[in-house]
Amino acid sequence: MRRTVLPALALSCLLALPVQAAETVRLAWLGKARDLPPVLSNLDEIPADKGLAGARRGIADNATTGRFTGHAYALSETTVAVDGDVAAAFKRLVAAGERFFVADLPAADLAAVAALPEAADTLIFNAGAPDDALRVTGCRANLLHTLPSRAMLADALAQFLVKKRWTDWVLVVGPAEEDRLFAAAVERAAKRFGGRIVARKDWQWDHDIRRTAHEEIPLVTQGVDYDMLVVADERGDFGEYVAYNTWEPKLVAGTQGLVPAAWHRVVEQWGAVQLQNRFAEDHGRAMGPEDYAAWAAVRAVGEAVTRTKTTDFATLRDFIRSDAFELAGFKGRKLSFRAWNGQLRQPIPLVTARSLVALAPVEGFLHHSNEMDTLGHDAPEVSCP
């Protein structure tokens, strides 16, 4: 009888012990609504929770590990109106005790927030601005970038095209400032890896190209010999209608056609399909680049908590920025942050609508320490304070 009673008694005593409350790690989402002009094609609507959905998925993934380590995670969500005061919202969040921020802000707003005195003792993850200036001249110790820069995307594309020996490119550039920035990144990548831009054409039409693509695009693409037509049209005003309407049967890449992207639904290797499925179950759509960037930011904090076994902000911040930090990002390699500009090192998938074509860095493009640093601005190219 004793052999049955004593274990039961011991079990009841264990169940009666007070459960230690989990330590909560807080993160803050800070976004700004965009007043975007209409595009010609509405086939792919911009999700209302773009980026934010990835942060929510990251919190859920952190919580899974946190149940075993005694840590909980909470995400506050703040989205400022188009004409709202981002700096004021940021100051309120800092005053409320927030230290880790996942930001989806235009580059100018992000730079202004990171420069605030209140931001000195925070860590801001940029999950929405691909601008190279933030990584070349505007770096800050409190600003990390989980979204790839335009230079990283252009370098990934250039490596693949040069590897295929498709080295002569026609560059067609849209009218938006973002298009010109992407075009500049493509021109830089061409010089860096051995591509040659044989012609640059500026897109000047503002009417509905859907009805006249077969007339307009041949005029833009005739009279020059090239291997690849590279499009710079981030908003999608005309780029989707370039393929099959060129003067000669040529391939299309850039912002349309063969696209370098931080993330895409066709990425399924390295266990990525599990992340894709979890995200789709939560949000009823595919995970996009900004979603992935926000997810990676939240997971970076969770990984740091697990590895350091603490919730102390200064310890976590220093560990995330150190050489010891690594993040499993479902891209076949461990991800880490560059010391010289805070950019997250990461492979770049080259994708079409239904296919993963390649993953950059492409074999054969070498670096003295880390091949992922062939994508984007390397340390000697950065002039940050």
Protein backbone atom coordinates (compact mmCIF):
# COMPACT_ATOMS: atom_id res chain seq x y z
CA MET A 1 0.00 0.00 0.00
CA ARG A 2 2.85 2.38 0.81
CA ARG A 3 4.33 1.94 -2.67
CA THR A 4 1.23 3.48 -4.19
CA VAL A 5 0.43 6.17 -1.63
CA LEU A 6 3.86 7.83 -1.36
CA PRO A 7 4.29 8.64 -5.07
CA ALA A 8 0.76 10.01 -5.19
CA LEU A 9 1.47 12.14 -2.13
CA ALA A 10 4.70 13.44 -3.65
CA LEU A 11 2.89 14.29 -6.89
CA SER A 12 0.19 16.21 -5.02
CA CYS A 13 2.88 18.20 -3.21
CA LEU A 14 4.54 19.12 -6.52
CA LEU A 15 1.25 20.24 -8.00
CA ALA A 16 0.64 22.40 -4.93
CA LEU A 17 3.89 24.31 -5.39
CA PRO A 18 3.42 27.87 -6.74
CA VAL A 19 4.18 28.17 -10.48
CA GLN A 20 6.81 30.77 -11.24
CA ALA A 21 5.42 33.47 -13.51
CA ALA A 22 7.05 33.72 -16.93
CA GLU A 23 9.23 36.77 -17.58
CA THR A 24 7.64 38.86 -20.33
CA VAL A 25 9.71 40.31 -23.17
CA ARG A 26 7.99 43.28 -24.75
CA LEU A 27 8.28 44.43 -28.35
CA ALA A 28 6.56 47.34 -30.07
CA TRP A 29 5.35 47.50 -33.66
CA LEU A 30 5.55 51.03 -35.06
CA GLY A 31 4.16 51.58 -38.55
CA LYS A 32 2.93 54.44 -40.66
CA ALA A 33 0.05 54.35 -43.11
CA ARG A 34 1.06 55.05 -46.72
CA ASP A 35 -0.96 57.22 -49.09
CA LEU A 36 -0.19 55.18 -52.18
CA PRO A 37 -1.42 56.29 -55.60
CA PRO A 38 -3.45 53.74 -57.55
CA VAL A 39 -1.58 51.25 -59.71
CA LEU A 40 -2.68 49.93 -63.08
CA SER A 41 -3.13 46.36 -61.85
CA ASN A 42 -5.11 45.41 -58.75
CA LEU A 43 -4.55 41.66 -59.08
CA ASP A 44 -2.39 41.63 -55.96
CA GLU A 45 -3.92 43.84 -53.31
CA ILE A 46 -1.63 45.26 -50.63
CA PRO A 47 -2.58 43.51 -47.35
CA ALA A 48 -3.74 45.79 -44.58
CA ASP A 49 -1.51 43.88 -42.15
CA LYS A 50 1.59 43.76 -44.36
CA GLY A 51 4.62 43.38 -42.12
CA LEU A 52 2.57 43.40 -38.94
CA ALA A 53 1.34 39.88 -39.69
CA GLY A 54 4.95 38.70 -39.73
CA ALA A 55 5.62 40.30 -36.36
CA ARG A 56 2.58 38.52 -34.93
CA ARG A 57 3.82 35.21 -36.33
CA GLY A 58 7.21 35.86 -34.76
CA ILE A 59 5.62 36.44 -31.37
CA ALA A 60 3.79 33.11 -31.68
CA ASP A 61 6.99 31.29 -32.64
CA ASN A 62 8.87 32.89 -29.75
CA ALA A 63 6.10 31.84 -27.38
CA THR A 64 6.50 28.21 -28.43
CA THR A 65 10.10 28.20 -27.20
CA GLY A 66 9.26 30.45 -24.29
CA ARG A 67 6.96 27.85 -22.77
CA PHE A 68 10.04 25.71 -22.14
CA THR A 69 12.38 28.50 -21.05
CA GLY A 70 10.03 30.46 -18.80
CA HIS A 71 9.64 33.48 -21.07
CA ALA A 72 6.53 35.14 -22.49
CA TYR A 73 6.37 37.65 -25.34
CA ALA A 74 4.05 40.61 -25.89
CA LEU A 75 3.65 42.87 -28.92
CA SER A 76 2.11 46.34 -28.78
CA GLU A 77 0.85 47.67 -32.12
CA THR A 78 0.94 51.32 -33.15
CA THR A 79 0.21 52.57 -36.66
CA VAL A 80 0.46 56.31 -37.25
CA ALA A 81 -1.81 58.02 -39.76
CA VAL A 82 -0.45 59.28 -43.08
CA ASP A 83 -0.13 62.80 -41.68
CA GLY A 84 0.58 61.68 -38.12
CA ASP A 85 3.58 62.43 -35.91
CA VAL A 86 5.80 59.33 -35.85
CA ALA A 87 8.31 60.91 -33.46
CA ALA A 88 5.60 61.69 -30.91
CA ALA A 89 4.27 58.13 -31.11
CA PHE A 90 7.78 56.76 -30.62
CA LYS A 91 8.40 58.97 -27.59
CA ARG A 92 5.16 57.79 -25.99
CA LEU A 93 6.15 54.16 -26.47
CA VAL A 94 9.60 54.73 -24.96
CA ALA A 95 8.01 56.51 -22.01
CA ALA A 96 5.78 53.46 -21.55
CA GLY A 97 8.87 51.27 -21.23
CA GLU A 98 9.30 49.89 -24.76
CA ARG A 99 12.87 49.20 -25.86
CA PHE A 100 12.62 46.77 -28.80
CA PHE A 101 10.91 48.23 -31.88
CA VAL A 102 9.93 46.65 -35.18
CA ALA A 103 9.43 49.53 -37.61
CA ASP A 104 7.65 49.80 -40.93
CA LEU A 105 8.37 53.44 -41.71
CA PRO A 106 9.48 55.50 -44.71
CA ALA A 107 13.23 56.03 -44.71
CA ALA A 108 13.03 59.70 -43.67
CA ASP A 109 10.78 58.95 -40.69
CA LEU A 110 12.91 55.99 -39.65
CA ALA A 111 16.12 58.04 -39.73
CA ALA A 112 14.48 60.84 -37.73
CA VAL A 113 13.18 58.46 -35.07
CA ALA A 114 16.52 56.66 -34.69
CA ALA A 115 18.25 60.00 -34.16
CA LEU A 116 15.99 61.09 -31.30
CA PRO A 117 17.64 61.36 -27.87
CA GLU A 118 14.90 59.05 -26.57
CA ALA A 119 16.07 56.37 -29.03
CA ALA A 120 19.58 56.10 -27.61
CA ASP A 121 18.64 53.25 -25.27
CA THR A 122 16.45 51.34 -27.74
CA LEU A 123 16.97 48.84 -30.55
CA ILE A 124 14.99 49.48 -33.74
CA PHE A 125 14.58 46.80 -36.42
CA ASN A 126 13.90 48.22 -39.87
CA ALA A 127 11.41 45.89 -41.55
CA GLY A 128 10.03 48.24 -44.19
CA ALA A 129 12.62 50.54 -45.80
CA PRO A 130 15.05 49.10 -48.39
CA ASP A 131 16.86 52.42 -48.91
CA ASP A 132 20.62 52.03 -49.23
CA ALA A 133 21.30 55.42 -47.66
CA LEU A 134 20.23 54.02 -44.29
CA ARG A 135 22.99 51.41 -44.62
CA VAL A 136 25.75 53.51 -46.21
CA THR A 137 25.72 56.99 -44.68
CA GLY A 138 22.86 56.90 -42.17
CA CYS A 139 23.77 53.89 -40.00
CA ARG A 140 23.20 54.06 -36.27
CA ALA A 141 24.13 51.72 -33.44
CA ASN A 142 20.47 51.46 -32.42
CA LEU A 143 19.22 50.63 -35.94
CA LEU A 144 19.29 47.14 -37.47
CA HIS A 145 17.86 46.12 -40.84
CA THR A 146 16.08 42.81 -41.36
CA LEU A 147 14.69 43.87 -44.75
CA PRO A 148 17.34 43.55 -47.50
CA SER A 149 18.54 46.73 -49.12
CA ARG A 150 18.00 47.48 -52.80
CA ALA A 151 21.72 46.91 -53.29
CA MET A 152 21.41 43.38 -51.90
CA LEU A 153 18.54 42.61 -54.26
CA ALA A 154 20.33 44.06 -57.29
CA ASP A 155 23.57 42.25 -56.42
CA ALA A 156 21.72 38.94 -56.16
CA LEU A 157 20.20 39.44 -59.60
CA ALA A 158 23.50 40.55 -61.11
CA GLN A 159 25.36 37.51 -59.78
CA PHE A 160 22.83 35.17 -61.36
CA LEU A 161 22.82 36.94 -64.73
CA VAL A 162 26.61 37.10 -64.91
CA LYS A 163 26.86 33.45 -63.91
CA LYS A 164 24.54 32.63 -66.82
CA ARG A 165 26.67 34.91 -69.06
CA TRP A 166 23.69 37.12 -69.81
CA THR A 167 25.78 40.24 -69.35
CA ASP A 168 24.23 42.82 -71.70
CA TRP A 169 21.20 44.51 -70.16
CA VAL A 170 18.64 47.09 -71.16
CA LEU A 171 17.40 48.95 -68.08
CA VAL A 172 13.84 50.35 -68.19
CA VAL A 173 13.17 52.76 -65.31
CA GLY A 174 9.80 53.92 -64.01
CA PRO A 175 9.01 57.52 -62.99
CA ALA A 176 8.87 57.05 -59.20
CA GLU A 177 11.76 57.91 -56.90
CA GLU A 178 11.82 54.28 -55.71
CA ASP A 179 12.30 53.16 -59.32
CA ARG A 180 15.29 55.44 -59.74
CA LEU A 181 16.82 54.13 -56.50
CA PHE A 182 16.45 50.53 -57.65
CA ALA A 183 17.90 51.45 -61.05
CA ALA A 184 20.92 53.00 -59.31
CA ALA A 185 21.40 49.76 -57.39
CA VAL A 186 21.27 47.79 -60.65
CA GLU A 187 23.85 50.10 -62.25
CA ARG A 188 26.12 49.64 -59.24
CA ALA A 189 25.70 45.85 -59.37
CA ALA A 190 26.54 45.79 -63.08
CA LYS A 191 29.86 47.54 -62.45
CA ARG A 192 30.57 45.33 -59.47
CA PHE A 193 30.05 41.95 -61.10
CA GLY A 194 30.72 42.47 -64.80
CA GLY A 195 27.33 43.26 -66.28
CA ARG A 196 26.94 45.90 -68.97
CA ILE A 197 23.98 48.24 -69.32
CA VAL A 198 23.84 48.79 -73.07
CA ALA A 199 20.86 51.14 -72.88
CA ARG A 200 18.74 52.88 -70.27
CA LYS A 201 15.16 53.78 -71.15
CA ASP A 202 12.98 55.97 -68.95
CA TRP A 203 9.29 55.03 -68.89
CA GLN A 204 7.37 58.18 -69.75
CA TRP A 205 3.81 57.01 -70.34
CA ASP A 206 1.17 57.51 -67.66
CA HIS A 207 -1.88 56.06 -69.40
CA ASP A 208 -3.34 52.56 -69.02
CA ILE A 209 -0.62 50.36 -70.48
CA ARG A 210 -2.84 47.29 -70.31
CA ARG A 211 -4.55 48.31 -73.53
CA THR A 212 -1.50 49.54 -75.43
CA ALA A 213 1.36 47.32 -74.20
CA HIS A 214 1.64 45.63 -77.59
CA GLU A 215 2.23 49.05 -79.16
CA GLU A 216 4.29 50.94 -76.59
CA ILE A 217 6.74 48.34 -75.26
CA PRO A 218 8.16 47.31 -78.67
CA LEU A 219 9.06 50.97 -79.24
CA VAL A 220 10.98 51.07 -75.96
CA THR A 221 12.86 47.82 -76.57
CA GLN A 222 13.76 47.96 -80.26
CA GLY A 223 17.00 49.10 -81.85
CA VAL A 224 19.42 47.59 -79.33
CA ASP A 225 21.01 44.17 -78.89
CA TYR A 226 20.86 42.77 -75.35
CA ASP A 227 20.52 39.58 -73.31
CA MET A 228 18.19 40.66 -70.52
CA LEU A 229 15.67 43.43 -70.02
CA VAL A 230 15.86 44.68 -66.42
CA VAL A 231 12.81 46.53 -65.13
CA ALA A 232 12.78 49.07 -62.29
CA ASP A 233 9.08 49.47 -61.42
CA GLU A 234 8.53 48.89 -57.72
CA ARG A 235 4.86 49.93 -57.69
CA GLY A 236 3.95 47.81 -60.69
CA ASP A 237 2.79 50.59 -63.03
CA PHE A 238 3.95 48.88 -66.21
CA GLY A 239 6.45 46.14 -65.45
CA GLU A 240 3.98 43.25 -65.51
CA TYR A 241 3.16 44.00 -69.15
CA VAL A 242 6.72 44.03 -70.49
CA ALA A 243 7.15 40.26 -70.91
CA TYR A 244 6.07 38.95 -74.33
CA ASN A 245 5.64 42.48 -75.64
CA THR A 246 9.32 43.24 -76.31
CA TRP A 247 10.53 43.83 -79.86
CA GLU A 248 12.59 40.63 -79.75
CA PRO A 249 11.96 37.49 -77.63
CA LYS A 250 13.95 38.48 -74.55
CA LEU A 251 13.85 37.57 -70.87
CA VAL A 252 12.69 40.05 -68.22
CA ALA A 253 14.04 40.49 -64.68
CA GLY A 254 14.18 43.05 -61.90
CA THR A 255 11.05 44.17 -60.11
CA GLN A 256 9.05 41.94 -62.47
CA GLY A 257 9.85 38.70 -64.29
CA LEU A 258 12.74 37.06 -62.46
CA VAL A 259 12.61 38.89 -59.13
CA PRO A 260 15.14 39.03 -56.25
CA ALA A 261 13.11 39.03 -53.04
CA ALA A 262 13.66 38.73 -49.31
CA TRP A 263 10.92 36.09 -49.21
CA HIS A 264 8.35 34.48 -51.47
CA ARG A 265 5.75 31.75 -51.23
CA VAL A 266 7.83 29.48 -53.51
CA VAL A 267 10.60 29.20 -50.89
CA GLU A 268 9.92 25.77 -49.39
CA GLN A 269 13.35 24.22 -48.79
CA TRP A 270 15.28 24.19 -45.51
CA GLY A 271 12.07 23.70 -43.54
CA ALA A 272 10.58 26.92 -44.91
CA VAL A 273 7.34 25.20 -45.88
CA GLN A 274 6.51 24.88 -42.17
CA LEU A 275 6.82 28.64 -41.69
CA GLN A 276 4.82 29.24 -44.86
CA ASN A 277 2.04 26.96 -43.63
CA ARG A 278 1.89 28.49 -40.15
CA PHE A 279 1.66 31.97 -41.62
CA ALA A 280 -1.02 31.02 -44.15
CA GLU A 281 -3.10 29.35 -41.44
CA ASP A 282 -2.94 32.52 -39.35
CA HIS A 283 -3.58 35.11 -42.03
CA GLY A 284 -5.13 33.41 -45.03
CA ARG A 285 -2.46 34.63 -47.44
CA ALA A 286 1.14 34.08 -48.43
CA MET A 287 4.02 35.53 -46.45
CA GLY A 288 5.66 38.49 -48.19
CA PRO A 289 9.08 40.16 -47.90
CA GLU A 290 7.99 42.70 -45.27
CA ASP A 291 6.26 39.95 -43.29
CA TYR A 292 9.45 37.93 -43.30
CA ALA A 293 11.54 40.94 -42.26
CA ALA A 294 9.24 41.64 -39.31
CA TRP A 295 9.19 37.95 -38.36
CA ALA A 296 13.01 37.85 -38.43
CA ALA A 297 13.21 40.93 -36.19
CA VAL A 298 10.93 39.41 -33.56
CA ARG A 299 12.67 36.06 -33.80
CA ALA A 300 16.06 37.74 -33.37
CA VAL A 301 14.95 38.99 -29.96
CA GLY A 302 13.52 35.58 -29.07
CA GLU A 303 16.71 33.82 -30.10
CA ALA A 304 18.77 36.22 -28.01
CA VAL A 305 16.58 35.61 -24.96
CA THR A 306 16.93 31.84 -25.39
CA ARG A 307 20.68 31.96 -25.85
CA THR A 308 21.52 34.45 -23.09
CA LYS A 309 18.83 33.20 -20.67
CA THR A 310 18.01 36.76 -19.65
CA THR A 311 15.52 39.50 -20.43
CA ASP A 312 17.91 42.35 -19.66
CA PHE A 313 17.72 44.81 -22.55
CA ALA A 314 21.39 45.81 -22.64
CA THR A 315 22.55 42.19 -22.60
CA LEU A 316 20.16 41.21 -25.38
CA ARG A 317 21.05 44.24 -27.52
CA ASP A 318 24.77 43.59 -27.24
CA PHE A 319 24.35 39.90 -28.01
CA ILE A 320 22.22 40.52 -31.09
CA ARG A 321 24.87 42.86 -32.49
CA SER A 322 27.76 40.50 -31.63
CA ASP A 323 29.53 37.91 -33.77
CA ALA A 324 28.10 35.18 -31.55
CA PHE A 325 24.52 35.82 -32.70
CA GLU A 326 22.98 33.53 -35.31
CA LEU A 327 19.39 33.17 -36.46
CA ALA A 328 17.89 30.19 -38.24
CA GLY A 329 15.92 31.90 -40.99
CA PHE A 330 14.76 29.01 -43.24
CA LYS A 331 17.14 30.09 -46.01
CA GLY A 332 19.77 27.39 -45.77
CA ARG A 333 22.30 29.48 -43.81
CA LYS A 334 22.56 31.06 -40.39
CA LEU A 335 21.76 34.77 -40.44
CA SER A 336 23.63 37.47 -38.53
CA PHE A 337 23.97 41.25 -38.45
CA ARG A 338 26.83 43.12 -40.12
CA ALA A 339 28.88 45.09 -37.64
CA TRP A 340 29.47 48.01 -40.01
CA ASN A 341 25.86 48.92 -40.85
CA GLY A 342 23.45 46.67 -38.95
CA GLN A 343 22.19 44.84 -42.05
CA LEU A 344 21.02 41.27 -41.57
CA ARG A 345 23.11 38.95 -43.72
CA GLN A 346 20.79 36.67 -45.64
CA PRO A 347 20.57 34.73 -48.89
CA ILE A 348 18.29 36.26 -51.53
CA PRO A 349 15.89 33.99 -53.44
CA LEU A 350 15.48 34.68 -57.16
CA VAL A 351 11.91 33.78 -57.98
CA THR A 352 9.18 33.78 -60.58
CA ALA A 353 5.51 33.59 -59.75
CA ARG A 354 5.63 29.82 -59.17
CA SER A 355 9.29 28.86 -59.06
CA LEU A 356 12.44 29.31 -57.02
CA VAL A 357 15.07 29.73 -59.74
CA ALA A 358 18.21 30.32 -57.67
CA LEU A 359 19.51 31.48 -54.31
CA ALA A 360 22.17 34.16 -54.03
CA PRO A 361 25.01 34.45 -53.21
CA VAL A 362 25.64 32.44 -56.35
CA GLU A 363 28.45 29.89 -56.39
CA GLY A 364 31.69 31.39 -57.65
CA PHE A 365 31.31 34.87 -56.14
CA LEU A 366 33.75 34.81 -53.24
CA HIS A 367 34.36 36.94 -50.17
CA HIS A 368 37.32 36.90 -47.80
CA SER A 369 35.15 36.17 -44.74
CA ASN A 370 31.47 35.55 -45.57
CA GLU A 371 30.03 34.99 -49.05
CA MET A 372 26.75 36.60 -47.97
CA ASP A 373 28.68 39.86 -47.75
CA THR A 374 28.94 39.87 -51.55
CA LEU A 375 25.32 41.04 -51.39
CA GLY A 376 24.92 44.70 -50.53
CA HIS A 377 27.46 47.18 -49.27
CA ASP A 378 30.62 45.70 -47.79
CA ALA A 379 32.53 47.37 -44.96
CA PRO A 380 34.90 49.46 -47.16
CA GLU A 381 31.90 50.93 -49.00
CA VAL A 382 30.20 52.24 -45.86
CA SER A 383 30.88 55.71 -44.47
CA CYS A 384 28.65 55.71 -41.41
CA PRO A 385 29.52 57.83 -38.39
